[in-house]
Amino acid sequence: QGEFYLVGDLQKFANLIIVNLNRLAGDGYYQLAST
């Protein structure tokens, strides 16, 4: 879904960015450093 509310800290929102990027680029292509 593209419309939603989400409760979390910076790391939670950033992790979802990584999930969505790797959905297109392939698992493990993008990573998140410690936040």
Full PDB file with SEQRES, HELIX, SHEET, SSBOND, CRYST1, ORIGX, SCALE, CONECT and MASTER records, all heavy atoms in Angstrom:
SEQRES   1 A   35  GLN GLY GLU PHE TYR LEU VAL GLY ASP LEU GLN LYS PHE          
SEQRES   2 A   35  ALA ASN LEU ILE ILE VAL ASN LEU ASN ARG LEU ALA GLY          
SEQRES   3 A   35  ASP GLY TYR TYR GLN LEU ALA SER THR                          
HELIX    1 AA1 LEU A   10  ALA A   25  1                                  16    
CRYST1    1.000    1.000    1.000  90.00  90.00  90.00 P 1           1          
ORIGX1      1.000000  0.000000  0.000000        0.00000                         
ORIGX2      0.000000  1.000000  0.000000        0.00000                         
ORIGX3      0.000000  0.000000  1.000000        0.00000                         
SCALE1      1.000000  0.000000  0.000000        0.00000                         
SCALE2      0.000000  1.000000  0.000000        0.00000                         
SCALE3      0.000000  0.000000  1.000000        0.00000                         
ATOM      1  N   GLN A   1       0.828  -1.206   0.000  1.00  0.00           N  
ATOM      2  CA  GLN A   1       0.000   0.000   0.000  1.00  0.00           C  
ATOM      3  C   GLN A   1       0.860   1.253   0.000  1.00  0.00           C  
ATOM      4  O   GLN A   1       1.902   1.308   0.663  1.00  0.00           O  
ATOM      5  CB  GLN A   1      -0.922   0.011   1.231  1.00  0.00           C  
ATOM      6  CG  GLN A   1      -1.877  -1.163   1.291  1.00  0.00           C  
ATOM      7  CD  GLN A   1      -2.806  -1.216   0.088  1.00  0.00           C  
ATOM      8  OE1 GLN A   1      -3.430  -0.209  -0.278  1.00  0.00           O  
ATOM      9  NE2 GLN A   1      -2.907  -2.381  -0.534  1.00  0.00           N  
ATOM     10  N   GLY A   2       0.396   2.287  -0.731  1.00  0.00           N  
ATOM     11  CA  GLY A   2       1.143   3.536  -0.818  1.00  0.00           C  
ATOM     12  C   GLY A   2       0.660   4.595   0.156  1.00  0.00           C  
ATOM     13  O   GLY A   2       1.344   5.595   0.372  1.00  0.00           O  
ATOM     14  N   GLU A   3      -0.527   4.405   0.736  1.00  0.00           N  
ATOM     15  CA  GLU A   3      -1.062   5.359   1.707  1.00  0.00           C  
ATOM     16  C   GLU A   3      -1.197   4.672   3.051  1.00  0.00           C  
ATOM     17  O   GLU A   3      -1.940   3.702   3.190  1.00  0.00           O  
ATOM     18  CB  GLU A   3      -2.419   5.895   1.237  1.00  0.00           C  
ATOM     19  CG  GLU A   3      -2.353   6.660  -0.074  1.00  0.00           C  
ATOM     20  CD  GLU A   3      -3.694   7.261  -0.460  1.00  0.00           C  
ATOM     21  OE1 GLU A   3      -4.499   7.523   0.461  1.00  0.00           O  
ATOM     22  OE2 GLU A   3      -3.933   7.468  -1.652  1.00  0.00           O  
ATOM     23  N   PHE A   4      -0.496   5.188   4.044  1.00  0.00           N  
ATOM     24  CA  PHE A   4      -0.520   4.557   5.367  1.00  0.00           C  
ATOM     25  C   PHE A   4       0.104   5.476   6.408  1.00  0.00           C  
ATOM     26  O   PHE A   4       0.813   6.429   6.087  1.00  0.00           O  
ATOM     27  CB  PHE A   4       0.255   3.227   5.342  1.00  0.00           C  
ATOM     28  CG  PHE A   4       1.689   3.346   4.895  1.00  0.00           C  
ATOM     29  CD1 PHE A   4       2.720   3.559   5.813  1.00  0.00           C  
ATOM     30  CD2 PHE A   4       2.021   3.236   3.542  1.00  0.00           C  
ATOM     31  CE1 PHE A   4       4.032   3.671   5.392  1.00  0.00           C  
ATOM     32  CE2 PHE A   4       3.341   3.349   3.112  1.00  0.00           C  
ATOM     33  CZ  PHE A   4       4.344   3.566   4.037  1.00  0.00           C  
ATOM     34  N   TYR A   5      -0.205   5.173   7.680  1.00  0.00           N  
ATOM     35  CA  TYR A   5       0.475   5.782   8.823  1.00  0.00           C  
ATOM     36  C   TYR A   5       1.461   4.750   9.358  1.00  0.00           C  
ATOM     37  O   TYR A   5       1.203   3.545   9.314  1.00  0.00           O  
ATOM     38  CB  TYR A   5      -0.516   6.164   9.925  1.00  0.00           C  
ATOM     39  CG  TYR A   5      -1.286   7.438   9.650  1.00  0.00           C  
ATOM     40  CD1 TYR A   5      -2.494   7.403   8.958  1.00  0.00           C  
ATOM     41  CD2 TYR A   5      -0.802   8.671  10.083  1.00  0.00           C  
ATOM     42  CE1 TYR A   5      -3.200   8.567   8.701  1.00  0.00           C  
ATOM     43  CE2 TYR A   5      -1.507   9.844   9.841  1.00  0.00           C  
ATOM     44  CZ  TYR A   5      -2.707   9.784   9.144  1.00  0.00           C  
ATOM     45  OH  TYR A   5      -3.399  10.931   8.895  1.00  0.00           O  
ATOM     46  N   LEU A   6       2.562   5.227   9.890  1.00  0.00           N  
ATOM     47  CA  LEU A   6       3.561   4.328  10.458  1.00  0.00           C  
ATOM     48  C   LEU A   6       4.188   5.002  11.668  1.00  0.00           C  
ATOM     49  O   LEU A   6       4.583   6.165  11.602  1.00  0.00           O  
ATOM     50  CB  LEU A   6       4.637   3.988   9.425  1.00  0.00           C  
ATOM     51  CG  LEU A   6       5.715   2.982   9.847  1.00  0.00           C  
ATOM     52  CD1 LEU A   6       5.088   1.617  10.159  1.00  0.00           C  
ATOM     53  CD2 LEU A   6       6.778   2.835   8.755  1.00  0.00           C  
ATOM     54  N   VAL A   7       4.263   4.258  12.758  1.00  0.00           N  
ATOM     55  CA  VAL A   7       4.887   4.751  13.984  1.00  0.00           C  
ATOM     56  C   VAL A   7       6.263   4.107  14.120  1.00  0.00           C  
ATOM     57  O   VAL A   7       6.393   2.887  14.015  1.00  0.00           O  
ATOM     58  CB  VAL A   7       4.022   4.435  15.226  1.00  0.00           C  
ATOM     59  CG1 VAL A   7       4.727   4.909  16.505  1.00  0.00           C  
ATOM     60  CG2 VAL A   7       2.649   5.075  15.107  1.00  0.00           C  
ATOM     61  N   GLY A   8       7.284   4.914  14.320  1.00  0.00           N  
ATOM     62  CA  GLY A   8       8.619   4.342  14.470  1.00  0.00           C  
ATOM     63  C   GLY A   8       9.676   5.412  14.639  1.00  0.00           C  
ATOM     64  O   GLY A   8       9.402   6.614  14.551  1.00  0.00           O  
ATOM     65  N   ASP A   9      10.882   4.960  14.897  1.00  0.00           N  
ATOM     66  CA  ASP A   9      12.012   5.875  14.974  1.00  0.00           C  
ATOM     67  C   ASP A   9      12.654   5.992  13.591  1.00  0.00           C  
ATOM     68  O   ASP A   9      12.173   5.410  12.615  1.00  0.00           O  
ATOM     69  CB  ASP A   9      13.025   5.414  16.028  1.00  0.00           C  
ATOM     70  CG  ASP A   9      13.558   4.003  15.763  1.00  0.00           C  
ATOM     71  OD1 ASP A   9      13.239   3.427  14.693  1.00  0.00           O  
ATOM     72  OD2 ASP A   9      14.290   3.480  16.613  1.00  0.00           O  
ATOM     73  N   LEU A  10      13.727   6.754  13.515  1.00  0.00           N  
ATOM     74  CA  LEU A  10      14.388   6.964  12.227  1.00  0.00           C  
ATOM     75  C   LEU A  10      14.786   5.642  11.579  1.00  0.00           C  
ATOM     76  O   LEU A  10      14.612   5.450  10.366  1.00  0.00           O  
ATOM     77  CB  LEU A  10      15.621   7.848  12.422  1.00  0.00           C  
ATOM     78  CG  LEU A  10      16.512   8.051  11.193  1.00  0.00           C  
ATOM     79  CD1 LEU A  10      15.758   8.746  10.067  1.00  0.00           C  
ATOM     80  CD2 LEU A  10      17.768   8.847  11.554  1.00  0.00           C  
ATOM     81  N   GLN A  11      15.304   4.724  12.363  1.00  0.00           N  
ATOM     82  CA  GLN A  11      15.773   3.455  11.809  1.00  0.00           C  
ATOM     83  C   GLN A  11      14.628   2.663  11.172  1.00  0.00           C  
ATOM     84  O   GLN A  11      14.810   2.058  10.116  1.00  0.00           O  
ATOM     85  CB  GLN A  11      16.449   2.614  12.893  1.00  0.00           C  
ATOM     86  CG  GLN A  11      17.010   1.301  12.360  1.00  0.00           C  
ATOM     87  CD  GLN A  11      17.830   0.556  13.386  1.00  0.00           C  
ATOM     88  OE1 GLN A  11      17.994   1.006  14.509  1.00  0.00           O  
ATOM     89  NE2 GLN A  11      18.354  -0.592  12.999  1.00  0.00           N  
ATOM     90  N   LYS A  12      13.454   2.698  11.776  1.00  0.00           N  
ATOM     91  CA  LYS A  12      12.329   1.936  11.232  1.00  0.00           C  
ATOM     92  C   LYS A  12      11.904   2.487   9.878  1.00  0.00           C  
ATOM     93  O   LYS A  12      11.676   1.732   8.919  1.00  0.00           O  
ATOM     94  CB  LYS A  12      11.146   1.975  12.198  1.00  0.00           C  
ATOM     95  CG  LYS A  12       9.973   1.112  11.748  1.00  0.00           C  
ATOM     96  CD  LYS A  12       8.932   0.973  12.844  1.00  0.00           C  
ATOM     97  CE  LYS A  12       7.822   0.032  12.412  1.00  0.00           C  
ATOM     98  NZ  LYS A  12       6.831  -0.169  13.510  1.00  0.00           N  
ATOM     99  N   PHE A  13      11.812   3.814   9.763  1.00  0.00           N  
ATOM    100  CA  PHE A  13      11.429   4.411   8.479  1.00  0.00           C  
ATOM    101  C   PHE A  13      12.507   4.159   7.421  1.00  0.00           C  
ATOM    102  O   PHE A  13      12.198   3.879   6.266  1.00  0.00           O  
ATOM    103  CB  PHE A  13      11.204   5.911   8.649  1.00  0.00           C  
ATOM    104  CG  PHE A  13      10.025   6.254   9.522  1.00  0.00           C  
ATOM    105  CD1 PHE A  13      10.216   6.844  10.761  1.00  0.00           C  
ATOM    106  CD2 PHE A  13       8.733   5.986   9.111  1.00  0.00           C  
ATOM    107  CE1 PHE A  13       9.140   7.165  11.569  1.00  0.00           C  
ATOM    108  CE2 PHE A  13       7.639   6.298   9.909  1.00  0.00           C  
ATOM    109  CZ  PHE A  13       7.847   6.887  11.157  1.00  0.00           C  
ATOM    110  N   ALA A  14      13.773   4.252   7.840  1.00  0.00           N  
ATOM    111  CA  ALA A  14      14.879   4.047   6.894  1.00  0.00           C  
ATOM    112  C   ALA A  14      14.963   2.590   6.447  1.00  0.00           C  
ATOM    113  O   ALA A  14      15.271   2.311   5.281  1.00  0.00           O  
ATOM    114  CB  ALA A  14      16.192   4.484   7.523  1.00  0.00           C  
ATOM    115  N   ASN A  15      14.695   1.666   7.357  1.00  0.00           N  
ATOM    116  CA  ASN A  15      14.711   0.249   6.982  1.00  0.00           C  
ATOM    117  C   ASN A  15      13.676  -0.051   5.906  1.00  0.00           C  
ATOM    118  O   ASN A  15      13.916  -0.872   5.012  1.00  0.00           O  
ATOM    119  CB  ASN A  15      14.446  -0.629   8.213  1.00  0.00           C  
ATOM    120  CG  ASN A  15      15.707  -0.947   8.983  1.00  0.00           C  
ATOM    121  OD1 ASN A  15      16.789  -1.046   8.409  1.00  0.00           O  
ATOM    122  ND2 ASN A  15      15.584  -1.115  10.297  1.00  0.00           N  
ATOM    123  N   LEU A  16      12.525   0.620   5.979  1.00  0.00           N  
ATOM    124  CA  LEU A  16      11.497   0.395   4.963  1.00  0.00           C  
ATOM    125  C   LEU A  16      11.943   0.952   3.610  1.00  0.00           C  
ATOM    126  O   LEU A  16      11.574   0.404   2.563  1.00  0.00           O  
ATOM    127  CB  LEU A  16      10.166   1.014   5.404  1.00  0.00           C  
ATOM    128  CG  LEU A  16       8.949   0.690   4.527  1.00  0.00           C  
ATOM    129  CD1 LEU A  16       8.753  -0.826   4.382  1.00  0.00           C  
ATOM    130  CD2 LEU A  16       7.688   1.339   5.103  1.00  0.00           C  
ATOM    131  N   ILE A  17      12.733   2.012   3.617  1.00  0.00           N  
ATOM    132  CA  ILE A  17      13.319   2.495   2.362  1.00  0.00           C  
ATOM    133  C   ILE A  17      14.180   1.407   1.740  1.00  0.00           C  
ATOM    134  O   ILE A  17      14.086   1.120   0.544  1.00  0.00           O  
ATOM    135  CB  ILE A  17      14.167   3.766   2.593  1.00  0.00           C  
ATOM    136  CG1 ILE A  17      13.279   4.945   2.972  1.00  0.00           C  
ATOM    137  CG2 ILE A  17      14.986   4.101   1.336  1.00  0.00           C  
ATOM    138  CD1 ILE A  17      14.056   6.219   3.286  1.00  0.00           C  
ATOM    139  N   ILE A  18      15.022   0.786   2.552  1.00  0.00           N  
ATOM    140  CA  ILE A  18      15.911  -0.271   2.062  1.00  0.00           C  
ATOM    141  C   ILE A  18      15.103  -1.438   1.505  1.00  0.00           C  
ATOM    142  O   ILE A  18      15.428  -1.987   0.436  1.00  0.00           O  
ATOM    143  CB  ILE A  18      16.854  -0.753   3.184  1.00  0.00           C  
ATOM    144  CG1 ILE A  18      17.723   0.405   3.697  1.00  0.00           C  
ATOM    145  CG2 ILE A  18      17.727  -1.898   2.686  1.00  0.00           C  
ATOM    146  CD1 ILE A  18      18.604   1.036   2.645  1.00  0.00           C  
ATOM    147  N   VAL A  19      14.042  -1.821   2.196  1.00  0.00           N  
ATOM    148  CA  VAL A  19      13.188  -2.922   1.736  1.00  0.00           C  
ATOM    149  C   VAL A  19      12.625  -2.607   0.347  1.00  0.00           C  
ATOM    150  O   VAL A  19      12.630  -3.452  -0.558  1.00  0.00           O  
ATOM    151  CB  VAL A  19      12.045  -3.180   2.742  1.00  0.00           C  
ATOM    152  CG1 VAL A  19      11.003  -4.126   2.138  1.00  0.00           C  
ATOM    153  CG2 VAL A  19      12.593  -3.773   4.035  1.00  0.00           C  
ATOM    154  N   ASN A  20      12.146  -1.384   0.172  1.00  0.00           N  
ATOM    155  CA  ASN A  20      11.545  -1.007  -1.113  1.00  0.00           C  
ATOM    156  C   ASN A  20      12.582  -0.877  -2.213  1.00  0.00           C  
ATOM    157  O   ASN A  20      12.314  -1.236  -3.366  1.00  0.00           O  
ATOM    158  CB  ASN A  20      10.764   0.294  -0.950  1.00  0.00           C  
ATOM    159  CG  ASN A  20       9.397   0.080  -0.316  1.00  0.00           C  
ATOM    160  OD1 ASN A  20       8.472  -0.404  -0.959  1.00  0.00           O  
ATOM    161  ND2 ASN A  20       9.275   0.420   0.956  1.00  0.00           N  
ATOM    162  N   LEU A  21      13.770  -0.386  -1.888  1.00  0.00           N  
ATOM    163  CA  LEU A  21      14.823  -0.305  -2.898  1.00  0.00           C  
ATOM    164  C   LEU A  21      15.260  -1.697  -3.349  1.00  0.00           C  
ATOM    165  O   LEU A  21      15.443  -1.948  -4.542  1.00  0.00           O  
ATOM    166  CB  LEU A  21      16.022   0.461  -2.340  1.00  0.00           C  
ATOM    167  CG  LEU A  21      15.842   1.965  -2.146  1.00  0.00           C  
ATOM    168  CD1 LEU A  21      17.075   2.562  -1.479  1.00  0.00           C  
ATOM    169  CD2 LEU A  21      15.581   2.660  -3.469  1.00  0.00           C  
ATOM    170  N   ASN A  22      15.415  -2.603  -2.410  1.00  0.00           N  
ATOM    171  CA  ASN A  22      15.865  -3.957  -2.749  1.00  0.00           C  
ATOM    172  C   ASN A  22      14.774  -4.775  -3.435  1.00  0.00           C  
ATOM    173  O   ASN A  22      15.075  -5.779  -4.081  1.00  0.00           O  
ATOM    174  CB  ASN A  22      16.366  -4.679  -1.503  1.00  0.00           C  
ATOM    175  CG  ASN A  22      17.716  -4.155  -1.046  1.00  0.00           C  
ATOM    176  OD1 ASN A  22      18.473  -3.595  -1.834  1.00  0.00           O  
ATOM    177  ND2 ASN A  22      18.030  -4.333   0.226  1.00  0.00           N  
ATOM    178  N   ARG A  23      13.538  -4.316  -3.320  1.00  0.00           N  
ATOM    179  CA  ARG A  23      12.454  -4.956  -4.056  1.00  0.00           C  
ATOM    180  C   ARG A  23      12.701  -4.831  -5.562  1.00  0.00           C  
ATOM    181  O   ARG A  23      12.332  -5.712  -6.343  1.00  0.00           O  
ATOM    182  CB  ARG A  23      11.130  -4.300  -3.657  1.00  0.00           C  
ATOM    183  CG  ARG A  23       9.918  -4.703  -4.450  1.00  0.00           C  
ATOM    184  CD  ARG A  23       8.629  -4.195  -3.785  1.00  0.00           C  
ATOM    185  NE  ARG A  23       8.734  -2.799  -3.405  1.00  0.00           N  
ATOM    186  CZ  ARG A  23       8.520  -1.777  -4.234  1.00  0.00           C  
ATOM    187  NH1 ARG A  23       8.226  -2.013  -5.499  1.00  0.00           N  
ATOM    188  NH2 ARG A  23       8.599  -0.530  -3.813  1.00  0.00           N  
ATOM    189  N   LEU A  24      13.369  -3.743  -5.975  1.00  0.00           N  
ATOM    190  CA  LEU A  24      13.673  -3.524  -7.386  1.00  0.00           C  
ATOM    191  C   LEU A  24      15.094  -3.927  -7.744  1.00  0.00           C  
ATOM    192  O   LEU A  24      15.343  -4.466  -8.821  1.00  0.00           O  
ATOM    193  CB  LEU A  24      13.462  -2.054  -7.738  1.00  0.00           C  
ATOM    194  CG  LEU A  24      12.056  -1.480  -7.511  1.00  0.00           C  
ATOM    195  CD1 LEU A  24      12.009  -0.032  -7.963  1.00  0.00           C  
ATOM    196  CD2 LEU A  24      11.006  -2.301  -8.242  1.00  0.00           C  
ATOM    197  N   ALA A  25      16.029  -3.635  -6.833  1.00  0.00           N  
ATOM    198  CA  ALA A  25      17.444  -3.855  -7.150  1.00  0.00           C  
ATOM    199  C   ALA A  25      17.915  -5.271  -6.845  1.00  0.00           C  
ATOM    200  O   ALA A  25      18.902  -5.736  -7.408  1.00  0.00           O  
ATOM    201  CB  ALA A  25      18.311  -2.854  -6.387  1.00  0.00           C  
ATOM    202  N   GLY A  26      17.204  -5.984  -5.953  1.00  0.00           N  
ATOM    203  CA  GLY A  26      17.624  -7.323  -5.550  1.00  0.00           C  
ATOM    204  C   GLY A  26      18.013  -7.342  -4.084  1.00  0.00           C  
ATOM    205  O   GLY A  26      18.540  -6.366  -3.546  1.00  0.00           O  
ATOM    206  N   ASP A  27      17.740  -8.460  -3.425  1.00  0.00           N  
ATOM    207  CA  ASP A  27      18.018  -8.587  -1.999  1.00  0.00           C  
ATOM    208  C   ASP A  27      19.472  -8.290  -1.682  1.00  0.00           C  
ATOM    209  O   ASP A  27      20.383  -8.805  -2.334  1.00  0.00           O  
ATOM    210  CB  ASP A  27      17.669  -9.993  -1.504  1.00  0.00           C  
ATOM    211  CG  ASP A  27      16.164 -10.243  -1.470  1.00  0.00           C  
ATOM    212  OD1 ASP A  27      15.411  -9.244  -1.498  1.00  0.00           O  
ATOM    213  OD2 ASP A  27      15.756 -11.414  -1.428  1.00  0.00           O  
ATOM    214  N   GLY A  28      19.663  -7.426  -0.688  1.00  0.00           N  
ATOM    215  CA  GLY A  28      21.003  -7.151  -0.204  1.00  0.00           C  
ATOM    216  C   GLY A  28      21.777  -6.121  -0.993  1.00  0.00           C  
ATOM    217  O   GLY A  28      22.905  -5.773  -0.627  1.00  0.00           O  
ATOM    218  N   TYR A  29      21.184  -5.597  -2.083  1.00  0.00           N  
ATOM    219  CA  TYR A  29      21.923  -4.626  -2.899  1.00  0.00           C  
ATOM    220  C   TYR A  29      22.134  -3.328  -2.123  1.00  0.00           C  
ATOM    221  O   TYR A  29      23.239  -2.794  -2.069  1.00  0.00           O  
ATOM    222  CB  TYR A  29      21.177  -4.353  -4.197  1.00  0.00           C  
ATOM    223  CG  TYR A  29      21.941  -3.476  -5.171  1.00  0.00           C  
ATOM    224  CD1 TYR A  29      22.816  -4.038  -6.095  1.00  0.00           C  
ATOM    225  CD2 TYR A  29      21.793  -2.090  -5.171  1.00  0.00           C  
ATOM    226  CE1 TYR A  29      23.534  -3.247  -6.988  1.00  0.00           C  
ATOM    227  CE2 TYR A  29      22.503  -1.288  -6.060  1.00  0.00           C  
ATOM    228  CZ  TYR A  29      23.369  -1.877  -6.959  1.00  0.00           C  
ATOM    229  OH  TYR A  29      24.082  -1.083  -7.828  1.00  0.00           O  
ATOM    230  N   TYR A  30      21.056  -2.811  -1.536  1.00  0.00           N  
ATOM    231  CA  TYR A  30      21.151  -1.611  -0.702  1.00  0.00           C  
ATOM    232  C   TYR A  30      21.191  -2.011   0.774  1.00  0.00           C  
ATOM    233  O   TYR A  30      20.556  -2.986   1.182  1.00  0.00           O  
ATOM    234  CB  TYR A  30      19.968  -0.676  -0.945  1.00  0.00           C  
ATOM    235  CG  TYR A  30      20.047   0.071  -2.256  1.00  0.00           C  
ATOM    236  CD1 TYR A  30      19.400  -0.425  -3.392  1.00  0.00           C  
ATOM    237  CD2 TYR A  30      20.760   1.254  -2.371  1.00  0.00           C  
ATOM    238  CE1 TYR A  30      19.472   0.253  -4.603  1.00  0.00           C  
ATOM    239  CE2 TYR A  30      20.839   1.935  -3.576  1.00  0.00           C  
ATOM    240  CZ  TYR A  30      20.188   1.426  -4.683  1.00  0.00           C  
ATOM    241  OH  TYR A  30      20.259   2.080  -5.879  1.00  0.00           O  
ATOM    242  N   GLN A  31      21.911  -1.224   1.549  1.00  0.00           N  
ATOM    243  CA  GLN A  31      22.026  -1.487   2.978  1.00  0.00           C  
ATOM    244  C   GLN A  31      21.892  -0.186   3.749  1.00  0.00           C  
ATOM    245  O   GLN A  31      22.073   0.909   3.214  1.00  0.00           O  
ATOM    246  CB  GLN A  31      23.364  -2.162   3.294  1.00  0.00           C  
ATOM    247  CG  GLN A  31      23.547  -3.520   2.635  1.00  0.00           C  
ATOM    248  CD  GLN A  31      24.865  -4.172   3.005  1.00  0.00           C  
ATOM    249  OE1 GLN A  31      25.493  -3.799   3.998  1.00  0.00           O  
ATOM    250  NE2 GLN A  31      25.288  -5.131   2.209  1.00  0.00           N  
ATOM    251  N   LEU A  32      21.593  -0.337   5.046  1.00  0.00           N  
ATOM    252  CA  LEU A  32      21.474   0.814   5.932  1.00  0.00           C  
ATOM    253  C   LEU A  32      22.565   0.728   6.986  1.00  0.00           C  
ATOM    254  O   LEU A  32      22.703  -0.286   7.667  1.00  0.00           O  
ATOM    255  CB  LEU A  32      20.097   0.828   6.601  1.00  0.00           C  
ATOM    256  CG  LEU A  32      19.835   1.951   7.595  1.00  0.00           C  
ATOM    257  CD1 LEU A  32      19.802   3.301   6.882  1.00  0.00           C  
ATOM    258  CD2 LEU A  32      18.519   1.714   8.339  1.00  0.00           C  
ATOM    259  N   ALA A  33      23.345   1.785   7.109  1.00  0.00           N  
ATOM    260  CA  ALA A  33      24.362   1.833   8.155  1.00  0.00           C  
ATOM    261  C   ALA A  33      23.679   2.079   9.502  1.00  0.00           C  
ATOM    262  O   ALA A  33      22.479   2.351   9.568  1.00  0.00           O  
ATOM    263  CB  ALA A  33      25.365   2.938   7.851  1.00  0.00           C  
ATOM    264  N   SER A  34      24.418   1.951  10.580  1.00  0.00           N  
ATOM    265  CA  SER A  34      23.848   2.217  11.899  1.00  0.00           C  
ATOM    266  C   SER A  34      23.324   3.649  11.946  1.00  0.00           C  
ATOM    267  O   SER A  34      23.933   4.580  11.412  1.00  0.00           O  
ATOM    268  CB  SER A  34      24.902   2.010  12.992  1.00  0.00           C  
ATOM    269  OG  SER A  34      26.012   2.861  12.781  1.00  0.00           O  
ATOM    270  N   THR A  35      22.144   3.836  12.555  1.00  0.00           N  
ATOM    271  CA  THR A  35      21.491   5.143  12.565  1.00  0.00           C  
ATOM    272  C   THR A  35      21.502   5.735  13.966  1.00  0.00           C  
ATOM    273  O   THR A  35      21.479   5.004  14.964  1.00  0.00           O  
ATOM    274  CB  THR A  35      20.037   5.019  12.082  1.00  0.00           C  
ATOM    275  OG1 THR A  35      19.347   4.096  12.929  1.00  0.00           O  
ATOM    276  CG2 THR A  35      19.990   4.526  10.652  1.00  0.00           C  
TER     277      THR A  35                                                      
MASTER        0    0    0    1    0    0    0    6  276    1    0    3          
END                                                                             
